[in-house]
Amino acid sequence: MSLLQIWKAKGQILEGIANSVFKKEDVEHIAEQRLNICQGCTLYDFKGIGCMLPGTQPCCNQKLGGCGCSLKLKTRALSSACPKGKWKEELTEEEEDQLKLKLGL
């Protein structure tokens, strides 16, 4: 993932961080389901070899065609989807726009 891609995904990154800090039961349930799916994927990187940012594992192995994102954050960002289509976003575009406004993006 390039710096430009990171900039474009900043809303999802901030959403994941916010949902990691301010935990809600429904978000945690979705994150747990998503992470269970990720753990069975060939792109699941527990060691951090293919993470976009070192030390953010487990991640979706960028070197093998994944996004490189920290799964602790990505699975909690309800506006994000699996790059391989194994799980979808939970928010509509309108809901995502409202979320971005709340986050000041």
N, C-alpha and C. Protein backbone atom coordinates (compact mmCIF):
# COMPACT_ATOMS: atom_id res chain seq x y z
N MET A 1 0.86 -1.17 0.00
CA MET A 1 0.00 0.00 0.00
C MET A 1 0.90 1.24 0.00
N SER A 2 0.63 2.14 -0.89
CA SER A 2 1.43 3.35 -0.99
C SER A 2 0.93 4.42 -0.02
N LEU A 3 1.72 5.48 0.10
CA LEU A 3 1.32 6.59 0.96
C LEU A 3 -0.01 7.18 0.50
N LEU A 4 -0.21 7.25 -0.81
CA LEU A 4 -1.48 7.76 -1.36
C LEU A 4 -2.64 6.86 -0.95
N GLN A 5 -2.45 5.56 -1.01
CA GLN A 5 -3.50 4.63 -0.60
C GLN A 5 -3.81 4.76 0.89
N ILE A 6 -2.77 4.97 1.67
CA ILE A 6 -2.97 5.16 3.12
C ILE A 6 -3.79 6.42 3.35
N TRP A 7 -3.45 7.49 2.64
CA TRP A 7 -4.18 8.76 2.78
C TRP A 7 -5.64 8.58 2.42
N LYS A 8 -5.92 7.85 1.34
CA LYS A 8 -7.30 7.63 0.92
C LYS A 8 -8.07 6.76 1.93
N ALA A 9 -7.35 5.88 2.62
CA ALA A 9 -8.00 4.98 3.58
C ALA A 9 -7.98 5.52 5.00
N LYS A 10 -7.58 6.77 5.18
CA LYS A 10 -7.43 7.31 6.54
C LYS A 10 -8.72 7.24 7.34
N GLY A 11 -9.85 7.39 6.70
CA GLY A 11 -11.12 7.30 7.42
C GLY A 11 -11.35 5.92 8.00
N GLN A 12 -11.04 4.89 7.22
CA GLN A 12 -11.19 3.53 7.71
C GLN A 12 -10.17 3.24 8.82
N ILE A 13 -8.97 3.76 8.67
CA ILE A 13 -7.94 3.56 9.69
C ILE A 13 -8.37 4.22 11.00
N LEU A 14 -8.84 5.46 10.92
CA LEU A 14 -9.31 6.16 12.12
C LEU A 14 -10.52 5.48 12.74
N GLU A 15 -11.40 4.97 11.89
CA GLU A 15 -12.57 4.25 12.39
C GLU A 15 -12.13 3.01 13.15
N GLY A 16 -11.16 2.27 12.60
CA GLY A 16 -10.64 1.08 13.28
C GLY A 16 -10.00 1.41 14.60
N ILE A 17 -9.24 2.51 14.63
CA ILE A 17 -8.60 2.94 15.88
C ILE A 17 -9.67 3.32 16.91
N ALA A 18 -10.65 4.13 16.49
CA ALA A 18 -11.71 4.56 17.40
C ALA A 18 -12.47 3.36 17.95
N ASN A 19 -12.78 2.39 17.08
CA ASN A 19 -13.53 1.21 17.52
C ASN A 19 -12.68 0.28 18.38
N SER A 20 -11.35 0.40 18.29
CA SER A 20 -10.46 -0.39 19.14
C SER A 20 -10.37 0.22 20.53
N VAL A 21 -10.42 1.54 20.59
CA VAL A 21 -10.31 2.25 21.87
C VAL A 21 -11.65 2.27 22.60
N PHE A 22 -12.70 2.66 21.87
CA PHE A 22 -14.05 2.75 22.44
C PHE A 22 -14.85 1.53 21.99
N LYS A 23 -14.67 0.44 22.69
CA LYS A 23 -15.25 -0.84 22.27
C LYS A 23 -16.76 -0.88 22.46
N LYS A 24 -17.42 -1.43 21.44
CA LYS A 24 -18.86 -1.65 21.47
C LYS A 24 -19.10 -3.12 21.17
N GLU A 25 -20.05 -3.71 21.89
CA GLU A 25 -20.29 -5.14 21.77
C GLU A 25 -20.59 -5.58 20.34
N ASP A 26 -21.41 -4.82 19.61
CA ASP A 26 -21.76 -5.23 18.25
C ASP A 26 -20.55 -5.17 17.31
N VAL A 27 -19.72 -4.15 17.46
CA VAL A 27 -18.52 -4.02 16.63
C VAL A 27 -17.53 -5.14 16.97
N GLU A 28 -17.38 -5.44 18.24
CA GLU A 28 -16.48 -6.51 18.66
C GLU A 28 -16.94 -7.86 18.11
N HIS A 29 -18.24 -8.08 18.07
CA HIS A 29 -18.78 -9.33 17.52
C HIS A 29 -18.43 -9.45 16.04
N ILE A 30 -18.62 -8.38 15.28
CA ILE A 30 -18.30 -8.38 13.85
C ILE A 30 -16.79 -8.57 13.66
N ALA A 31 -15.98 -7.87 14.46
CA ALA A 31 -14.53 -7.98 14.35
C ALA A 31 -14.07 -9.41 14.62
N GLU A 32 -14.67 -10.05 15.61
CA GLU A 32 -14.32 -11.43 15.94
C GLU A 32 -14.66 -12.38 14.79
N GLN A 33 -15.85 -12.20 14.19
CA GLN A 33 -16.23 -13.03 13.05
C GLN A 33 -15.27 -12.83 11.89
N ARG A 34 -14.95 -11.57 11.60
CA ARG A 34 -14.03 -11.26 10.51
C ARG A 34 -12.65 -11.86 10.76
N LEU A 35 -12.14 -11.70 11.97
CA LEU A 35 -10.81 -12.21 12.29
C LEU A 35 -10.76 -13.73 12.18
N ASN A 36 -11.83 -14.41 12.56
CA ASN A 36 -11.89 -15.86 12.40
C ASN A 36 -11.76 -16.26 10.94
N ILE A 37 -12.39 -15.50 10.06
CA ILE A 37 -12.28 -15.75 8.62
C ILE A 37 -10.84 -15.50 8.17
N CYS A 38 -10.26 -14.40 8.63
CA CYS A 38 -8.88 -14.05 8.25
C CYS A 38 -7.89 -15.12 8.66
N GLN A 39 -8.08 -15.69 9.84
CA GLN A 39 -7.14 -16.68 10.35
C GLN A 39 -7.07 -17.92 9.47
N GLY A 40 -8.12 -18.18 8.71
CA GLY A 40 -8.12 -19.33 7.80
C GLY A 40 -7.65 -18.99 6.40
N CYS A 41 -7.19 -17.77 6.19
CA CYS A 41 -6.79 -17.29 4.86
C CYS A 41 -5.28 -17.44 4.68
N THR A 42 -4.85 -17.67 3.45
CA THR A 42 -3.43 -17.79 3.14
C THR A 42 -2.70 -16.45 3.28
N LEU A 43 -3.43 -15.34 3.32
CA LEU A 43 -2.82 -14.02 3.47
C LEU A 43 -2.63 -13.61 4.93
N TYR A 44 -3.15 -14.40 5.85
CA TYR A 44 -3.05 -14.08 7.28
C TYR A 44 -1.58 -14.13 7.69
N ASP A 45 -1.08 -13.03 8.23
CA ASP A 45 0.33 -12.90 8.60
C ASP A 45 0.45 -12.60 10.08
N PHE A 46 0.72 -13.63 10.87
CA PHE A 46 0.85 -13.48 12.31
C PHE A 46 2.22 -12.92 12.70
N LYS A 47 3.23 -13.16 11.87
CA LYS A 47 4.60 -12.74 12.18
C LYS A 47 4.89 -11.29 11.80
N GLY A 48 4.13 -10.73 10.87
CA GLY A 48 4.35 -9.34 10.47
C GLY A 48 5.29 -9.16 9.30
N ILE A 49 5.57 -10.22 8.60
CA ILE A 49 6.50 -10.16 7.46
C ILE A 49 5.94 -9.29 6.33
N GLY A 50 4.65 -9.35 6.09
CA GLY A 50 4.04 -8.61 4.99
C GLY A 50 3.14 -7.46 5.43
N CYS A 51 3.36 -6.94 6.64
CA CYS A 51 2.55 -5.83 7.13
C CYS A 51 3.03 -4.51 6.52
N MET A 52 2.12 -3.63 6.22
CA MET A 52 2.45 -2.32 5.71
C MET A 52 3.32 -1.56 6.71
N LEU A 53 2.94 -1.63 7.98
CA LEU A 53 3.72 -0.99 9.04
C LEU A 53 4.23 -2.07 9.99
N PRO A 54 5.55 -2.14 10.19
CA PRO A 54 6.10 -3.14 11.10
C PRO A 54 5.48 -3.03 12.49
N GLY A 55 5.26 -4.18 13.09
CA GLY A 55 4.72 -4.22 14.45
C GLY A 55 3.21 -4.15 14.52
N THR A 56 2.52 -4.20 13.39
CA THR A 56 1.05 -4.10 13.41
C THR A 56 0.37 -5.44 13.16
N GLN A 57 1.12 -6.52 13.25
CA GLN A 57 0.52 -7.83 13.02
C GLN A 57 -0.45 -8.21 14.13
N PRO A 58 -1.38 -9.09 13.84
CA PRO A 58 -1.54 -9.79 12.57
C PRO A 58 -2.04 -8.84 11.49
N CYS A 59 -1.63 -9.14 10.26
CA CYS A 59 -2.04 -8.29 9.15
C CYS A 59 -2.39 -9.15 7.94
N CYS A 60 -2.85 -8.50 6.91
CA CYS A 60 -3.18 -9.13 5.63
C CYS A 60 -1.94 -8.98 4.75
N ASN A 61 -1.19 -10.04 4.55
CA ASN A 61 0.14 -10.04 3.95
C ASN A 61 0.20 -9.34 2.59
N GLN A 62 0.79 -8.17 2.59
CA GLN A 62 0.92 -7.34 1.39
C GLN A 62 1.83 -8.01 0.35
N LYS A 63 2.83 -8.72 0.79
CA LYS A 63 3.78 -9.36 -0.12
C LYS A 63 3.13 -10.49 -0.92
N LEU A 64 2.03 -11.02 -0.41
CA LEU A 64 1.32 -12.11 -1.08
C LEU A 64 0.06 -11.62 -1.81
N GLY A 65 -0.12 -10.30 -1.89
CA GLY A 65 -1.28 -9.75 -2.60
C GLY A 65 -2.36 -9.18 -1.71
N GLY A 66 -2.14 -9.16 -0.40
CA GLY A 66 -3.11 -8.58 0.52
C GLY A 66 -2.92 -7.07 0.62
N CYS A 67 -3.65 -6.46 1.51
CA CYS A 67 -3.61 -5.00 1.65
C CYS A 67 -2.51 -4.52 2.60
N GLY A 68 -1.98 -5.40 3.45
CA GLY A 68 -0.95 -5.01 4.40
C GLY A 68 -1.48 -4.39 5.67
N CYS A 69 -2.79 -4.30 5.79
CA CYS A 69 -3.42 -3.64 6.93
C CYS A 69 -3.36 -4.47 8.20
N SER A 70 -3.30 -3.78 9.33
CA SER A 70 -3.42 -4.42 10.63
C SER A 70 -4.84 -4.97 10.76
N LEU A 71 -4.96 -6.24 11.03
CA LEU A 71 -6.29 -6.84 11.14
C LEU A 71 -6.98 -6.46 12.44
N LYS A 72 -6.22 -6.02 13.44
CA LYS A 72 -6.84 -5.53 14.67
C LYS A 72 -7.66 -4.28 14.39
N LEU A 73 -7.20 -3.48 13.43
CA LEU A 73 -7.92 -2.26 13.06
C LEU A 73 -8.90 -2.52 11.93
N LYS A 74 -8.46 -3.19 10.88
CA LYS A 74 -9.30 -3.39 9.70
C LYS A 74 -10.59 -4.13 10.03
N THR A 75 -10.50 -5.15 10.88
CA THR A 75 -11.70 -5.91 11.21
C THR A 75 -12.70 -5.10 12.03
N ARG A 76 -12.23 -4.03 12.67
CA ARG A 76 -13.11 -3.16 13.47
C ARG A 76 -13.62 -1.95 12.68
N ALA A 77 -13.11 -1.74 11.49
CA ALA A 77 -13.58 -0.64 10.64
C ALA A 77 -14.76 -1.16 9.82
N LEU A 78 -15.95 -0.82 10.24
CA LEU A 78 -17.15 -1.37 9.60
C LEU A 78 -17.32 -0.90 8.16
N SER A 79 -16.61 0.14 7.77
CA SER A 79 -16.68 0.62 6.39
C SER A 79 -15.65 -0.05 5.49
N SER A 80 -14.86 -0.98 6.04
CA SER A 80 -13.86 -1.66 5.22
C SER A 80 -14.35 -3.05 4.82
N ALA A 81 -13.70 -3.58 3.78
CA ALA A 81 -14.02 -4.91 3.28
C ALA A 81 -12.73 -5.69 3.08
N CYS A 82 -12.81 -6.98 3.07
CA CYS A 82 -11.67 -7.85 2.80
C CYS A 82 -11.24 -7.65 1.35
N PRO A 83 -9.94 -7.48 1.09
CA PRO A 83 -9.48 -7.29 -0.28
C PRO A 83 -9.70 -8.52 -1.16
N LYS A 84 -9.92 -9.66 -0.55
CA LYS A 84 -10.18 -10.89 -1.30
C LYS A 84 -11.67 -11.25 -1.32
N GLY A 85 -12.51 -10.35 -0.78
CA GLY A 85 -13.96 -10.54 -0.84
C GLY A 85 -14.51 -11.56 0.15
N LYS A 86 -13.77 -11.90 1.18
CA LYS A 86 -14.23 -12.90 2.14
C LYS A 86 -15.20 -12.34 3.16
N TRP A 87 -15.20 -11.01 3.35
CA TRP A 87 -16.22 -10.32 4.15
C TRP A 87 -16.38 -8.91 3.60
N LYS A 88 -17.58 -8.39 3.74
CA LYS A 88 -17.93 -7.11 3.14
C LYS A 88 -18.06 -6.00 4.19
N GLU A 89 -18.10 -4.76 3.69
CA GLU A 89 -18.33 -3.64 4.60
C GLU A 89 -19.74 -3.73 5.16
N GLU A 90 -19.91 -3.15 6.34
CA GLU A 90 -21.19 -3.18 7.04
C GLU A 90 -21.95 -1.87 6.91
N LEU A 91 -21.31 -0.83 6.36
CA LEU A 91 -21.92 0.49 6.23
C LEU A 91 -22.21 0.82 4.77
N THR A 92 -23.30 1.51 4.53
CA THR A 92 -23.58 2.02 3.19
C THR A 92 -22.67 3.23 2.94
N GLU A 93 -22.60 3.68 1.68
CA GLU A 93 -21.81 4.87 1.37
C GLU A 93 -22.28 6.08 2.17
N GLU A 94 -23.59 6.22 2.30
CA GLU A 94 -24.15 7.35 3.06
C GLU A 94 -23.74 7.27 4.53
N GLU A 95 -23.83 6.08 5.11
CA GLU A 95 -23.44 5.90 6.50
C GLU A 95 -21.94 6.16 6.68
N GLU A 96 -21.15 5.74 5.70
CA GLU A 96 -19.71 5.99 5.77
C GLU A 96 -19.42 7.49 5.70
N ASP A 97 -20.14 8.22 4.84
CA ASP A 97 -19.97 9.68 4.76
C ASP A 97 -20.32 10.34 6.08
N GLN A 98 -21.39 9.88 6.73
CA GLN A 98 -21.77 10.43 8.03
C GLN A 98 -20.70 10.14 9.07
N LEU A 99 -20.13 8.96 9.02
CA LEU A 99 -19.06 8.58 9.94
C LEU A 99 -17.85 9.48 9.73
N LYS A 100 -17.49 9.72 8.47
CA LYS A 100 -16.35 10.58 8.16
C LYS A 100 -16.58 11.99 8.70
N LEU A 101 -17.82 12.48 8.60
CA LEU A 101 -18.12 13.81 9.15
C LEU A 101 -17.90 13.82 10.66
N LYS A 102 -18.34 12.77 11.33
CA LYS A 102 -18.17 12.67 12.78
C LYS A 102 -16.69 12.65 13.16
N LEU A 103 -15.89 11.99 12.31
CA LEU A 103 -14.46 11.88 12.59
C LEU A 103 -13.68 13.10 12.11
N GLY A 104 -14.37 14.02 11.43
CA GLY A 104 -13.72 15.23 10.95
C GLY A 104 -12.87 15.03 9.72
N LEU A 105 -13.27 14.09 8.87
CA LEU A 105 -12.49 13.82 7.67
C LEU A 105 -13.14 14.35 6.41
